[in-house]
Structures are given as structure tokens and as C-alpha cells.
Amino acid sequence: MITITDAQGNTIAWSSSGTMGFKGSRKSTPYAHRVAAEDAAKKGSEHGMRTLEVEVEGRVRVGIALRALQSSVFTVTSIRDVDADSA
């Protein structure tokens, strides 16, 4: 699940591999994660988002989604791990 919010935490755009049409075990592939991140990035940019501070929860294939966000129109200013297990 990729969610793009404003500074107050209000959801601007979101996407997931299931929303993008992937079913079953294909939802957890790196390709599905990249497609979902690109979709969320497109929706976010349509609402005027240009700069991101990324908060990561969970470690499964996070790098794929981050690279998709960085290669889109966004400037990523920080990446922070907010996973409850990392505390």
C-alpha cells in the first residue's frame, strides 16, 4: 500500500498492487510494488505534490517503491523508518 499525504496527514493519493489488478501471489512481486508506487505518484502529482518526506513501515520490497517515487516527478527530502518493530 502506497499512501501520499499532506503535512497534516490528510490522504492526497493512494494505490496498491491489488488496486492495479494484481491477484494472488503476483501482488507481492517487485513489479507490482513499482506499478502501485508509480500510480500513487501520478495521482499525487496531479494534486500538485512535488516534494516528499517518506515514512516507511515494513521492510518488504520497500526499495522498489522508493526508487519508483524518486524516479517520478518527486523530490524525496528524507526517508524515515516508522515501523513499530524497529523501536
PDB file of N, CA and C in Angstrom:
ATOM      1  N   MET A   1       0.852  -1.171   0.000  1.00  0.00           N
ATOM      2  CA  MET A   1       0.000   0.000   0.000  1.00  0.00           C
ATOM      3  C   MET A   1       0.896   1.232   0.000  1.00  0.00           C
ATOM      4  N   ILE A   2       0.655   2.116  -0.914  1.00  0.00           N
ATOM      5  CA  ILE A   2       1.368   3.385  -1.013  1.00  0.00           C
ATOM      6  C   ILE A   2       0.343   4.483  -0.755  1.00  0.00           C
ATOM      7  N   THR A   3       0.598   5.328   0.238  1.00  0.00           N
ATOM      8  CA  THR A   3      -0.293   6.439   0.543  1.00  0.00           C
ATOM      9  C   THR A   3       0.512   7.722   0.536  1.00  0.00           C
ATOM     10  N   ILE A   4       0.028   8.727  -0.168  1.00  0.00           N
ATOM     11  CA  ILE A   4       0.666  10.045  -0.198  1.00  0.00           C
ATOM     12  C   ILE A   4      -0.250  11.002   0.544  1.00  0.00           C
ATOM     13  N   THR A   5       0.292  11.651   1.587  1.00  0.00           N
ATOM     14  CA  THR A   5      -0.491  12.567   2.409  1.00  0.00           C
ATOM     15  C   THR A   5       0.136  13.948   2.408  1.00  0.00           C
ATOM     16  N   ASP A   6      -0.631  14.936   2.862  1.00  0.00           N
ATOM     17  CA  ASP A   6      -0.069  16.269   3.053  1.00  0.00           C
ATOM     18  C   ASP A   6       0.608  16.317   4.424  1.00  0.00           C
ATOM     19  N   ALA A   7       1.133  17.468   4.807  1.00  0.00           N
ATOM     20  CA  ALA A   7       1.881  17.592   6.060  1.00  0.00           C
ATOM     21  C   ALA A   7       1.016  17.310   7.287  1.00  0.00           C
ATOM     22  N   GLN A   8      -0.283  17.495   7.177  1.00  0.00           N
ATOM     23  CA  GLN A   8      -1.188  17.240   8.302  1.00  0.00           C
ATOM     24  C   GLN A   8      -1.654  15.787   8.368  1.00  0.00           C
ATOM     25  N   GLY A   9      -1.293  14.984   7.386  1.00  0.00           N
ATOM     26  CA  GLY A   9      -1.662  13.573   7.373  1.00  0.00           C
ATOM     27  C   GLY A   9      -2.920  13.255   6.585  1.00  0.00           C
ATOM     28  N   ASN A  10      -3.477  14.236   5.889  1.00  0.00           N
ATOM     29  CA  ASN A  10      -4.656  14.003   5.060  1.00  0.00           C
ATOM     30  C   ASN A  10      -4.240  13.302   3.766  1.00  0.00           C
ATOM     31  N   THR A  11      -4.933  12.233   3.419  1.00  0.00           N
ATOM     32  CA  THR A  11      -4.587  11.450   2.234  1.00  0.00           C
ATOM     33  C   THR A  11      -4.840  12.251   0.957  1.00  0.00           C
ATOM     34  N   ILE A  12      -3.812  12.335   0.124  1.00  0.00           N
ATOM     35  CA  ILE A  12      -3.900  13.001  -1.170  1.00  0.00           C
ATOM     36  C   ILE A  12      -4.100  11.958  -2.269  1.00  0.00           C
ATOM     37  N   ALA A  13      -3.343  10.860  -2.188  1.00  0.00           N
ATOM     38  CA  ALA A  13      -3.430   9.797  -3.196  1.00  0.00           C
ATOM     39  C   ALA A  13      -2.990   8.482  -2.567  1.00  0.00           C
ATOM     40  N   TRP A  14      -3.494   7.389  -3.106  1.00  0.00           N
ATOM     41  CA  TRP A  14      -3.058   6.075  -2.644  1.00  0.00           C
ATOM     42  C   TRP A  14      -3.201   5.070  -3.774  1.00  0.00           C
ATOM     43  N   SER A  15      -2.496   3.977  -3.623  1.00  0.00           N
ATOM     44  CA  SER A  15      -2.602   2.876  -4.579  1.00  0.00           C
ATOM     45  C   SER A  15      -2.065   1.611  -3.917  1.00  0.00           C
ATOM     46  N   SER A  16      -2.404   0.496  -4.485  1.00  0.00           N
ATOM     47  CA  SER A  16      -1.884  -0.792  -4.006  1.00  0.00           C
ATOM     48  C   SER A  16      -1.775  -1.733  -5.192  1.00  0.00           C
ATOM     49  N   SER A  17      -1.057  -2.829  -4.996  1.00  0.00           N
ATOM     50  CA  SER A  17      -0.923  -3.790  -6.093  1.00  0.00           C
ATOM     51  C   SER A  17      -2.269  -4.405  -6.451  1.00  0.00           C
ATOM     52  N   GLY A  18      -3.116  -4.627  -5.462  1.00  0.00           N
ATOM     53  CA  GLY A  18      -4.445  -5.167  -5.744  1.00  0.00           C
ATOM     54  C   GLY A  18      -5.291  -4.204  -6.552  1.00  0.00           C
ATOM     55  N   THR A  19      -5.191  -2.917  -6.238  1.00  0.00           N
ATOM     56  CA  THR A  19      -5.927  -1.904  -6.990  1.00  0.00           C
ATOM     57  C   THR A  19      -5.476  -1.864  -8.445  1.00  0.00           C
ATOM     58  N   MET A  20      -4.209  -2.155  -8.658  1.00  0.00           N
ATOM     59  CA  MET A  20      -3.655  -2.125 -10.008  1.00  0.00           C
ATOM     60  C   MET A  20      -3.941  -3.413 -10.784  1.00  0.00           C
ATOM     61  N   GLY A  21      -4.711  -4.328 -10.196  1.00  0.00           N
ATOM     62  CA  GLY A  21      -5.154  -5.514 -10.924  1.00  0.00           C
ATOM     63  C   GLY A  21      -4.357  -6.776 -10.674  1.00  0.00           C
ATOM     64  N   PHE A  22      -3.383  -6.735  -9.771  1.00  0.00           N
ATOM     65  CA  PHE A  22      -2.603  -7.935  -9.472  1.00  0.00           C
ATOM     66  C   PHE A  22      -3.377  -8.799  -8.491  1.00  0.00           C
ATOM     67  N   LYS A  23      -3.383 -10.088  -8.709  1.00  0.00           N
ATOM     68  CA  LYS A  23      -4.122 -11.034  -7.874  1.00  0.00           C
ATOM     69  C   LYS A  23      -3.177 -12.070  -7.277  1.00  0.00           C
ATOM     70  N   GLY A  24      -3.549 -12.585  -6.125  1.00  0.00           N
ATOM     71  CA  GLY A  24      -2.818 -13.680  -5.500  1.00  0.00           C
ATOM     72  C   GLY A  24      -1.361 -13.382  -5.237  1.00  0.00           C
ATOM     73  N   SER A  25      -0.502 -14.319  -5.563  1.00  0.00           N
ATOM     74  CA  SER A  25       0.925 -14.185  -5.266  1.00  0.00           C
ATOM     75  C   SER A  25       1.598 -13.094  -6.100  1.00  0.00           C
ATOM     76  N   ARG A  26       0.983 -12.669  -7.186  1.00  0.00           N
ATOM     77  CA  ARG A  26       1.571 -11.614  -8.019  1.00  0.00           C
ATOM     78  C   ARG A  26       1.520 -10.250  -7.339  1.00  0.00           C
ATOM     79  N   LYS A  27       0.635 -10.111  -6.325  1.00  0.00           N
ATOM     80  CA  LYS A  27       0.548  -8.829  -5.619  1.00  0.00           C
ATOM     81  C   LYS A  27       1.820  -8.517  -4.842  1.00  0.00           C
ATOM     82  N   SER A  28       2.594  -9.508  -4.497  1.00  0.00           N
ATOM     83  CA  SER A  28       3.790  -9.283  -3.682  1.00  0.00           C
ATOM     84  C   SER A  28       5.080  -9.223  -4.499  1.00  0.00           C
ATOM     85  N   THR A  29       4.978  -9.101  -5.811  1.00  0.00           N
ATOM     86  CA  THR A  29       6.181  -9.037  -6.634  1.00  0.00           C
ATOM     87  C   THR A  29       6.742  -7.617  -6.681  1.00  0.00           C
ATOM     88  N   PRO A  30       8.042  -7.486  -6.921  1.00  0.00           N
ATOM     89  CA  PRO A  30       8.633  -6.147  -7.044  1.00  0.00           C
ATOM     90  C   PRO A  30       7.975  -5.316  -8.141  1.00  0.00           C
ATOM     91  N   TYR A  31       7.607  -5.967  -9.235  1.00  0.00           N
ATOM     92  CA  TYR A  31       6.963  -5.248 -10.333  1.00  0.00           C
ATOM     93  C   TYR A  31       5.625  -4.647  -9.875  1.00  0.00           C
ATOM     94  N   ALA A  32       4.830  -5.412  -9.148  1.00  0.00           N
ATOM     95  CA  ALA A  32       3.540  -4.924  -8.661  1.00  0.00           C
ATOM     96  C   ALA A  32       3.720  -3.745  -7.714  1.00  0.00           C
ATOM     97  N   HIS A  33       4.740  -3.793  -6.856  1.00  0.00           N
ATOM     98  CA  HIS A  33       5.024  -2.684  -5.936  1.00  0.00           C
ATOM     99  C   HIS A  33       5.411  -1.431  -6.721  1.00  0.00           C
ATOM    100  N   ARG A  34       6.213  -1.600  -7.757  1.00  0.00           N
ATOM    101  CA  ARG A  34       6.645  -0.457  -8.565  1.00  0.00           C
ATOM    102  C   ARG A  34       5.465   0.172  -9.299  1.00  0.00           C
ATOM    103  N   VAL A  35       4.595  -0.660  -9.859  1.00  0.00           N
ATOM    104  CA  VAL A  35       3.429  -0.151 -10.577  1.00  0.00           C
ATOM    105  C   VAL A  35       2.513   0.623  -9.621  1.00  0.00           C
ATOM    106  N   ALA A  36       2.317   0.106  -8.418  1.00  0.00           N
ATOM    107  CA  ALA A  36       1.474   0.796  -7.436  1.00  0.00           C
ATOM    108  C   ALA A  36       2.097   2.132  -7.024  1.00  0.00           C
ATOM    109  N   ALA A  37       3.405   2.159  -6.816  1.00  0.00           N
ATOM    110  CA  ALA A  37       4.080   3.407  -6.447  1.00  0.00           C
ATOM    111  C   ALA A  37       3.993   4.427  -7.570  1.00  0.00           C
ATOM    112  N   GLU A  38       4.158   3.986  -8.806  1.00  0.00           N
ATOM    113  CA  GLU A  38       4.058   4.897  -9.946  1.00  0.00           C
ATOM    114  C   GLU A  38       2.646   5.460 -10.079  1.00  0.00           C
ATOM    115  N   ASP A  39       1.640   4.637  -9.805  1.00  0.00           N
ATOM    116  CA  ASP A  39       0.256   5.090  -9.866  1.00  0.00           C
ATOM    117  C   ASP A  39      -0.022   6.139  -8.784  1.00  0.00           C
ATOM    118  N   ALA A  40       0.433   5.867  -7.563  1.00  0.00           N
ATOM    119  CA  ALA A  40       0.244   6.836  -6.481  1.00  0.00           C
ATOM    120  C   ALA A  40       0.989   8.134  -6.789  1.00  0.00           C
ATOM    121  N   ALA A  41       2.184   8.025  -7.368  1.00  0.00           N
ATOM    122  CA  ALA A  41       2.962   9.216  -7.731  1.00  0.00           C
ATOM    123  C   ALA A  41       2.238  10.046  -8.778  1.00  0.00           C
ATOM    124  N   LYS A  42       1.657   9.386  -9.749  1.00  0.00           N
ATOM    125  CA  LYS A  42       0.920  10.104 -10.795  1.00  0.00           C
ATOM    126  C   LYS A  42      -0.263  10.851 -10.186  1.00  0.00           C
ATOM    127  N   LYS A  43      -1.012  10.177  -9.321  1.00  0.00           N
ATOM    128  CA  LYS A  43      -2.168  10.806  -8.684  1.00  0.00           C
ATOM    129  C   LYS A  43      -1.736  11.966  -7.791  1.00  0.00           C
ATOM    130  N   GLY A  44      -0.646  11.783  -7.048  1.00  0.00           N
ATOM    131  CA  GLY A  44      -0.148  12.845  -6.171  1.00  0.00           C
ATOM    132  C   GLY A  44       0.317  14.059  -6.950  1.00  0.00           C
ATOM    133  N   SER A  45       0.989  13.831  -8.059  1.00  0.00           N
ATOM    134  CA  SER A  45       1.476  14.953  -8.863  1.00  0.00           C
ATOM    135  C   SER A  45       0.323  15.713  -9.505  1.00  0.00           C
ATOM    136  N   GLU A  46      -0.767  15.021  -9.789  1.00  0.00           N
ATOM    137  CA  GLU A  46      -1.950  15.698 -10.328  1.00  0.00           C
ATOM    138  C   GLU A  46      -2.554  16.664  -9.312  1.00  0.00           C
ATOM    139  N   HIS A  47      -2.285  16.429  -8.023  1.00  0.00           N
ATOM    140  CA  HIS A  47      -2.772  17.309  -6.962  1.00  0.00           C
ATOM    141  C   HIS A  47      -1.722  18.330  -6.539  1.00  0.00           C
ATOM    142  N   GLY A  48      -0.648  18.427  -7.296  1.00  0.00           N
ATOM    143  CA  GLY A  48       0.349  19.455  -7.041  1.00  0.00           C
ATOM    144  C   GLY A  48       1.485  19.066  -6.109  1.00  0.00           C
ATOM    145  N   MET A  49       1.567  17.816  -5.688  1.00  0.00           N
ATOM    146  CA  MET A  49       2.654  17.379  -4.811  1.00  0.00           C
ATOM    147  C   MET A  49       3.947  17.320  -5.624  1.00  0.00           C
ATOM    148  N   ARG A  50       5.041  17.847  -5.055  1.00  0.00           N
ATOM    149  CA  ARG A  50       6.334  17.826  -5.727  1.00  0.00           C
ATOM    150  C   ARG A  50       7.462  17.332  -4.827  1.00  0.00           C
ATOM    151  N   THR A  51       7.327  17.541  -3.519  1.00  0.00           N
ATOM    152  CA  THR A  51       8.370  17.168  -2.564  1.00  0.00           C
ATOM    153  C   THR A  51       7.794  16.165  -1.578  1.00  0.00           C
ATOM    154  N   LEU A  52       8.558  15.114  -1.280  1.00  0.00           N
ATOM    155  CA  LEU A  52       8.098  14.074  -0.359  1.00  0.00           C
ATOM    156  C   LEU A  52       9.059  13.882   0.795  1.00  0.00           C
ATOM    157  N   GLU A  53       8.504  13.660   1.967  1.00  0.00           N
ATOM    158  CA  GLU A  53       9.229  13.105   3.097  1.00  0.00           C
ATOM    159  C   GLU A  53       8.644  11.715   3.271  1.00  0.00           C
ATOM    160  N   VAL A  54       9.448  10.703   3.059  1.00  0.00           N
ATOM    161  CA  VAL A  54       8.953   9.327   3.032  1.00  0.00           C
ATOM    162  C   VAL A  54       9.048   8.708   4.414  1.00  0.00           C
ATOM    163  N   GLU A  55       7.934   8.099   4.861  1.00  0.00           N
ATOM    164  CA  GLU A  55       7.906   7.311   6.094  1.00  0.00           C
ATOM    165  C   GLU A  55       7.635   5.873   5.694  1.00  0.00           C
ATOM    166  N   VAL A  56       8.535   4.988   6.062  1.00  0.00           N
ATOM    167  CA  VAL A  56       8.472   3.586   5.653  1.00  0.00           C
ATOM    168  C   VAL A  56       7.991   2.743   6.822  1.00  0.00           C
ATOM    169  N   GLU A  57       6.990   1.917   6.573  1.00  0.00           N
ATOM    170  CA  GLU A  57       6.515   0.971   7.580  1.00  0.00           C
ATOM    171  C   GLU A  57       6.556  -0.414   6.955  1.00  0.00           C
ATOM    172  N   GLY A  58       7.360  -1.287   7.516  1.00  0.00           N
ATOM    173  CA  GLY A  58       7.542  -2.608   6.938  1.00  0.00           C
ATOM    174  C   GLY A  58       8.747  -2.602   6.005  1.00  0.00           C
ATOM    175  N   ARG A  59       9.349  -3.733   5.820  1.00  0.00           N
ATOM    176  CA  ARG A  59      10.597  -3.797   5.054  1.00  0.00           C
ATOM    177  C   ARG A  59      10.475  -4.577   3.756  1.00  0.00           C
ATOM    178  N   VAL A  60       9.317  -5.060   3.415  1.00  0.00           N
ATOM    179  CA  VAL A  60       9.174  -5.924   2.249  1.00  0.00           C
ATOM    180  C   VAL A  60       9.203  -5.095   0.971  1.00  0.00           C
ATOM    181  N   ARG A  61      10.259  -5.243   0.220  1.00  0.00           N
ATOM    182  CA  ARG A  61      10.417  -4.614  -1.093  1.00  0.00           C
ATOM    183  C   ARG A  61      10.180  -3.107  -1.082  1.00  0.00           C
ATOM    184  N   VAL A  62      10.590  -2.449  -0.010  1.00  0.00           N
ATOM    185  CA  VAL A  62      10.440  -1.007   0.113  1.00  0.00           C
ATOM    186  C   VAL A  62      11.305  -0.289  -0.913  1.00  0.00           C
ATOM    187  N   GLY A  63      12.484  -0.817  -1.194  1.00  0.00           N
ATOM    188  CA  GLY A  63      13.400  -0.177  -2.128  1.00  0.00           C
ATOM    189  C   GLY A  63      12.808   0.008  -3.511  1.00  0.00           C
ATOM    190  N   ILE A  64      12.031  -0.952  -3.967  1.00  0.00           N
ATOM    191  CA  ILE A  64      11.412  -0.865  -5.286  1.00  0.00           C
ATOM    192  C   ILE A  64      10.468   0.336  -5.337  1.00  0.00           C
ATOM    193  N   ALA A  65       9.616   0.476  -4.335  1.00  0.00           N
ATOM    194  CA  ALA A  65       8.661   1.586  -4.305  1.00  0.00           C
ATOM    195  C   ALA A  65       9.378   2.919  -4.172  1.00  0.00           C
ATOM    196  N   LEU A  66      10.431   2.969  -3.345  1.00  0.00           N
ATOM    197  CA  LEU A  66      11.170   4.223  -3.179  1.00  0.00           C
ATOM    198  C   LEU A  66      11.834   4.653  -4.479  1.00  0.00           C
ATOM    199  N   ARG A  67      12.416   3.723  -5.189  1.00  0.00           N
ATOM    200  CA  ARG A  67      13.038   4.070  -6.471  1.00  0.00           C
ATOM    201  C   ARG A  67      11.999   4.573  -7.468  1.00  0.00           C
ATOM    202  N   ALA A  68      10.816   3.982  -7.454  1.00  0.00           N
ATOM    203  CA  ALA A  68       9.756   4.445  -8.357  1.00  0.00           C
ATOM    204  C   ALA A  68       9.338   5.867  -8.008  1.00  0.00           C
ATOM    205  N   LEU A  69       9.251   6.179  -6.714  1.00  0.00           N
ATOM    206  CA  LEU A  69       8.879   7.537  -6.308  1.00  0.00           C
ATOM    207  C   LEU A  69       9.981   8.538  -6.656  1.00  0.00           C
ATOM    208  N   GLN A  70      11.241   8.147  -6.439  1.00  0.00           N
ATOM    209  CA  GLN A  70      12.353   9.043  -6.732  1.00  0.00           C
ATOM    210  C   GLN A  70      12.491   9.289  -8.232  1.00  0.00           C
ATOM    211  N   SER A  71      12.187   8.302  -9.052  1.00  0.00           N
ATOM    212  CA  SER A  71      12.350   8.474 -10.489  1.00  0.00           C
ATOM    213  C   SER A  71      11.164   9.199 -11.122  1.00  0.00           C
ATOM    214  N   SER A  72      10.114   9.444 -10.343  1.00  0.00           N
ATOM    215  CA  SER A  72       8.981  10.202 -10.863  1.00  0.00           C
ATOM    216  C   SER A  72       9.255  11.692 -10.674  1.00  0.00           C
ATOM    217  N   VAL A  73       8.238  12.497 -10.674  1.00  0.00           N
ATOM    218  CA  VAL A  73       8.398  13.958 -10.611  1.00  0.00           C
ATOM    219  C   VAL A  73       8.741  14.462  -9.215  1.00  0.00           C
ATOM    220  N   PHE A  74       8.811  13.583  -8.224  1.00  0.00           N
ATOM    221  CA  PHE A  74       9.013  13.992  -6.840  1.00  0.00           C
ATOM    222  C   PHE A  74      10.476  14.173  -6.473  1.00  0.00           C
ATOM    223  N   THR A  75      10.700  15.069  -5.526  1.00  0.00           N
ATOM    224  CA  THR A  75      11.990  15.195  -4.869  1.00  0.00           C
ATOM    225  C   THR A  75      11.813  14.599  -3.473  1.00  0.00           C
ATOM    226  N   VAL A  76      12.569  13.566  -3.150  1.00  0.00           N
ATOM    227  CA  VAL A  76      12.488  12.931  -1.838  1.00  0.00           C
ATOM    228  C   VAL A  76      13.505  13.608  -0.926  1.00  0.00           C
ATOM    229  N   THR A  77      13.012  14.278   0.130  1.00  0.00           N
ATOM    230  CA  THR A  77      13.895  15.026   1.020  1.00  0.00           C
ATOM    231  C   THR A  77      14.372  14.205   2.209  1.00  0.00           C
ATOM    232  N   SER A  78      13.587  13.221   2.653  1.00  0.00           N
ATOM    233  CA  SER A  78      14.022  12.375   3.767  1.00  0.00           C
ATOM    234  C   SER A  78      13.293  11.047   3.718  1.00  0.00           C
ATOM    235  N   ILE A  79      13.915  10.033   4.305  1.00  0.00           N
ATOM    236  CA  ILE A  79      13.314   8.704   4.429  1.00  0.00           C
ATOM    237  C   ILE A  79      13.453   8.301   5.883  1.00  0.00           C
ATOM    238  N   ARG A  80      12.325   7.976   6.525  1.00  0.00           N
ATOM    239  CA  ARG A  80      12.319   7.661   7.947  1.00  0.00           C
ATOM    240  C   ARG A  80      11.563   6.359   8.166  1.00  0.00           C
ATOM    241  N   ASP A  81      12.132   5.475   9.013  1.00  0.00           N
ATOM    242  CA  ASP A  81      11.503   4.200   9.349  1.00  0.00           C
ATOM    243  C   ASP A  81      10.575   4.417  10.529  1.00  0.00           C
ATOM    244  N   VAL A  82       9.287   4.153  10.350  1.00  0.00           N
ATOM    245  CA  VAL A  82       8.306   4.314  11.425  1.00  0.00           C
ATOM    246  C   VAL A  82       7.721   2.974  11.851  1.00  0.00           C
ATOM    247  N   ASP A  83       8.359   1.883  11.485  1.00  0.00           N
ATOM    248  CA  ASP A  83       7.895   0.540  11.815  1.00  0.00           C
ATOM    249  C   ASP A  83       7.905   0.354  13.327  1.00  0.00           C
ATOM    250  N   ALA A  84       6.828  -0.158  13.880  1.00  0.00           N
ATOM    251  CA  ALA A  84       6.722  -0.370  15.321  1.00  0.00           C
ATOM    252  C   ALA A  84       7.754  -1.377  15.818  1.00  0.00           C
ATOM    253  N   ASP A  85       8.177  -2.313  14.970  1.00  0.00           N
ATOM    254  CA  ASP A  85       9.157  -3.320  15.366  1.00  0.00           C
ATOM    255  C   ASP A  85      10.553  -2.748  15.494  1.00  0.00           C
ATOM    256  N   SER A  86      10.807  -1.575  14.920  1.00  0.00           N
ATOM    257  CA  SER A  86      12.153  -1.016  14.947  1.00  0.00           C
ATOM    258  C   SER A  86      12.430  -0.212  16.215  1.00  0.00           C
ATOM    259  N   ALA A  87      11.421  -0.028  17.067  1.00  0.00           N
ATOM    260  CA  ALA A  87      11.597   0.768  18.285  1.00  0.00           C
ATOM    261  C   ALA A  87      12.334   0.030  19.357  1.00  0.00           C
TER     262      ALA A  87
END
